[in-house]
Amino acid sequence: MQTVGKRLAEIRKSNKIKQIELAEMLNVSQQVISNIERGVTTPDIEQLKKIADIYNISLDQLVGREFFGDGTDGVEQKIISYIKQMDDEGKELSLGLLSQVAQYRGNNDGNK
């Protein structure tokens, strides 16, 4: 499992935000952000909530937690996990592909 620091760095970089910019948003030094990302320190819950708010994501997403409490099986979990990692264009393409597969299966299920 990915550490909170590595996950934070990944999210920060994907949003094209520099450490110093994030530090300013959180009212901390750039060194604090660096220490968190390198795993030297761990942010407290208040910092985590502020970071999640900055990126408009849940705490689960921020810390890389995937929770499937609705009885999904392993294949469904993998599909969901892949989709969560995609950008909007990838999600749209995936939706189109899934729709075509479902339509094909629906048309051919009676032919078996």
C-alpha atoms as a PDB file:
ATOM      1  CA  MET A   1       0.000   0.000   0.000  1.00  0.00           C
ATOM      2  CA  GLN A   2       1.196   3.467  -0.859  1.00  0.00           C
ATOM      3  CA  THR A   3       2.202   5.795   1.971  1.00  0.00           C
ATOM      4  CA  VAL A   4       0.247   8.977   2.635  1.00  0.00           C
ATOM      5  CA  GLY A   5       3.288  11.031   1.662  1.00  0.00           C
ATOM      6  CA  LYS A   6       3.743   9.298  -1.678  1.00  0.00           C
ATOM      7  CA  ARG A   7       0.037   9.584  -2.391  1.00  0.00           C
ATOM      8  CA  LEU A   8       0.114  13.293  -1.531  1.00  0.00           C
ATOM      9  CA  ALA A   9       3.074  13.848  -3.852  1.00  0.00           C
ATOM     10  CA  GLU A  10       1.305  11.983  -6.641  1.00  0.00           C
ATOM     11  CA  ILE A  11      -1.875  14.035  -6.262  1.00  0.00           C
ATOM     12  CA  ARG A  12       0.052  17.301  -5.947  1.00  0.00           C
ATOM     13  CA  LYS A  13       2.069  16.608  -9.097  1.00  0.00           C
ATOM     14  CA  SER A  14      -0.973  15.492 -11.095  1.00  0.00           C
ATOM     15  CA  ASN A  15      -2.581  18.831 -10.208  1.00  0.00           C
ATOM     16  CA  LYS A  16       0.588  20.668 -11.275  1.00  0.00           C
ATOM     17  CA  ILE A  17       1.057  22.291  -7.881  1.00  0.00           C
ATOM     18  CA  LYS A  18       4.526  22.909  -6.483  1.00  0.00           C
ATOM     19  CA  GLN A  19       5.411  22.042  -2.903  1.00  0.00           C
ATOM     20  CA  ILE A  20       5.810  25.723  -2.059  1.00  0.00           C
ATOM     21  CA  GLU A  21       2.347  26.498  -3.459  1.00  0.00           C
ATOM     22  CA  LEU A  22       0.718  23.736  -1.413  1.00  0.00           C
ATOM     23  CA  ALA A  23       2.648  24.889   1.638  1.00  0.00           C
ATOM     24  CA  GLU A  24       1.285  28.415   1.206  1.00  0.00           C
ATOM     25  CA  MET A  25      -2.262  27.093   0.892  1.00  0.00           C
ATOM     26  CA  LEU A  26      -1.811  25.166   4.139  1.00  0.00           C
ATOM     27  CA  ASN A  27       0.060  27.963   5.884  1.00  0.00           C
ATOM     28  CA  VAL A  28       3.106  25.773   6.521  1.00  0.00           C
ATOM     29  CA  SER A  29       6.662  25.763   5.227  1.00  0.00           C
ATOM     30  CA  GLN A  30       7.747  23.976   2.067  1.00  0.00           C
ATOM     31  CA  GLN A  31       9.911  21.795   4.318  1.00  0.00           C
ATOM     32  CA  VAL A  32       6.782  20.454   6.053  1.00  0.00           C
ATOM     33  CA  ILE A  33       5.367  19.336   2.696  1.00  0.00           C
ATOM     34  CA  SER A  34       8.716  17.815   1.714  1.00  0.00           C
ATOM     35  CA  ASN A  35       8.928  15.921   5.017  1.00  0.00           C
ATOM     36  CA  ILE A  36       5.405  14.552   4.598  1.00  0.00           C
ATOM     37  CA  GLU A  37       6.036  13.438   1.008  1.00  0.00           C
ATOM     38  CA  ARG A  38       9.311  11.740   1.968  1.00  0.00           C
ATOM     39  CA  GLY A  39       7.642   9.946   4.870  1.00  0.00           C
ATOM     40  CA  VAL A  40       9.677  11.753   7.532  1.00  0.00           C
ATOM     41  CA  THR A  41       6.502  13.057   9.186  1.00  0.00           C
ATOM     42  CA  THR A  42       2.817  12.253   8.914  1.00  0.00           C
ATOM     43  CA  PRO A  43       0.160  14.946   8.554  1.00  0.00           C
ATOM     44  CA  ASP A  44      -2.438  15.174  11.302  1.00  0.00           C
ATOM     45  CA  ILE A  45      -6.125  14.762  10.534  1.00  0.00           C
ATOM     46  CA  GLU A  46      -6.721  18.512  10.290  1.00  0.00           C
ATOM     47  CA  GLN A  47      -3.976  18.860   7.675  1.00  0.00           C
ATOM     48  CA  LEU A  48      -5.385  15.882   5.786  1.00  0.00           C
ATOM     49  CA  LYS A  49      -8.854  17.436   5.751  1.00  0.00           C
ATOM     50  CA  LYS A  50      -7.444  20.736   4.438  1.00  0.00           C
ATOM     51  CA  ILE A  51      -5.479  18.919   1.732  1.00  0.00           C
ATOM     52  CA  ALA A  52      -8.551  16.909   0.705  1.00  0.00           C
ATOM     53  CA  ASP A  53     -10.520  20.159   0.487  1.00  0.00           C
ATOM     54  CA  ILE A  54      -7.835  21.775  -1.669  1.00  0.00           C
ATOM     55  CA  TYR A  55      -7.992  18.904  -4.165  1.00  0.00           C
ATOM     56  CA  ASN A  56     -11.758  18.436  -3.769  1.00  0.00           C
ATOM     57  CA  ILE A  57     -11.368  14.747  -2.928  1.00  0.00           C
ATOM     58  CA  SER A  58     -12.378  12.517  -0.030  1.00  0.00           C
ATOM     59  CA  LEU A  59      -9.986  11.516   2.729  1.00  0.00           C
ATOM     60  CA  ASP A  60     -10.187   7.947   1.428  1.00  0.00           C
ATOM     61  CA  GLN A  61      -9.039   9.108  -1.987  1.00  0.00           C
ATOM     62  CA  LEU A  62      -6.293  11.201  -0.427  1.00  0.00           C
ATOM     63  CA  VAL A  63      -4.807   8.311   1.512  1.00  0.00           C
ATOM     64  CA  GLY A  64      -5.376   5.787  -1.287  1.00  0.00           C
ATOM     65  CA  ARG A  65      -7.982   3.749   0.547  1.00  0.00           C
ATOM     66  CA  GLU A  66     -10.322   1.720  -1.604  1.00  0.00           C
ATOM     67  CA  PHE A  67     -13.434   0.525   0.142  1.00  0.00           C
ATOM     68  CA  PHE A  68     -15.811  -1.887  -1.508  1.00  0.00           C
ATOM     69  CA  GLY A  69     -18.413  -2.612   1.115  1.00  0.00           C
ATOM     70  CA  ASP A  70     -21.251  -3.303  -1.268  1.00  0.00           C
ATOM     71  CA  GLY A  71     -20.481  -6.947  -2.023  1.00  0.00           C
ATOM     72  CA  THR A  72     -18.611  -6.398  -5.292  1.00  0.00           C
ATOM     73  CA  ASP A  73     -16.472  -9.304  -6.413  1.00  0.00           C
ATOM     74  CA  GLY A  74     -12.764  -9.197  -7.316  1.00  0.00           C
ATOM     75  CA  VAL A  75     -13.304  -8.461 -11.009  1.00  0.00           C
ATOM     76  CA  GLU A  76     -15.683  -5.601 -10.254  1.00  0.00           C
ATOM     77  CA  GLN A  77     -13.193  -4.200  -7.741  1.00  0.00           C
ATOM     78  CA  LYS A  78     -10.428  -4.260 -10.356  1.00  0.00           C
ATOM     79  CA  ILE A  79     -12.654  -2.516 -12.898  1.00  0.00           C
ATOM     80  CA  ILE A  80     -13.593   0.170 -10.377  1.00  0.00           C
ATOM     81  CA  SER A  81      -9.959   0.600  -9.363  1.00  0.00           C
ATOM     82  CA  TYR A  82      -8.842   1.074 -12.974  1.00  0.00           C
ATOM     83  CA  ILE A  83     -11.641   3.515 -13.699  1.00  0.00           C
ATOM     84  CA  LYS A  84     -10.802   5.620 -10.639  1.00  0.00           C
ATOM     85  CA  GLN A  85      -7.284   6.091 -12.013  1.00  0.00           C
ATOM     86  CA  MET A  86      -8.473   7.363 -15.395  1.00  0.00           C
ATOM     87  CA  ASP A  87      -8.978  10.905 -16.551  1.00  0.00           C
ATOM     88  CA  ASP A  88     -12.402  11.968 -17.861  1.00  0.00           C
ATOM     89  CA  GLU A  89     -11.587  11.003 -21.448  1.00  0.00           C
ATOM     90  CA  GLY A  90     -10.522   7.514 -20.376  1.00  0.00           C
ATOM     91  CA  LYS A  91     -13.711   7.137 -18.361  1.00  0.00           C
ATOM     92  CA  GLU A  92     -15.838   8.145 -21.358  1.00  0.00           C
ATOM     93  CA  LEU A  93     -14.005   5.681 -23.614  1.00  0.00           C
ATOM     94  CA  SER A  94     -14.424   2.932 -21.026  1.00  0.00           C
ATOM     95  CA  LEU A  95     -18.126   3.663 -20.693  1.00  0.00           C
ATOM     96  CA  GLY A  96     -18.533   3.350 -24.455  1.00  0.00           C
ATOM     97  CA  LEU A  97     -16.650   0.064 -24.495  1.00  0.00           C
ATOM     98  CA  LEU A  98     -18.638  -1.354 -21.577  1.00  0.00           C
ATOM     99  CA  SER A  99     -21.858  -0.297 -23.263  1.00  0.00           C
ATOM    100  CA  GLN A 100     -20.855  -2.089 -26.464  1.00  0.00           C
ATOM    101  CA  VAL A 101     -19.880  -5.248 -24.562  1.00  0.00           C
ATOM    102  CA  ALA A 102     -23.169  -5.222 -22.623  1.00  0.00           C
ATOM    103  CA  GLN A 103     -25.144  -4.690 -25.823  1.00  0.00           C
ATOM    104  CA  TYR A 104     -23.259  -7.487 -27.610  1.00  0.00           C
ATOM    105  CA  ARG A 105     -23.775  -9.856 -24.675  1.00  0.00           C
ATOM    106  CA  GLY A 106     -27.477  -8.967 -24.541  1.00  0.00           C
ATOM    107  CA  ASN A 107     -27.904  -9.689 -28.238  1.00  0.00           C
ATOM    108  CA  ASN A 108     -26.038 -12.995 -28.064  1.00  0.00           C
ATOM    109  CA  ASP A 109     -27.230 -14.419 -24.724  1.00  0.00           C
ATOM    110  CA  GLY A 110     -30.325 -15.911 -26.370  1.00  0.00           C
ATOM    111  CA  ASN A 111     -28.212 -17.569 -29.094  1.00  0.00           C
ATOM    112  CA  LYS A 112     -26.360 -19.979 -26.807  1.00  0.00           C
END
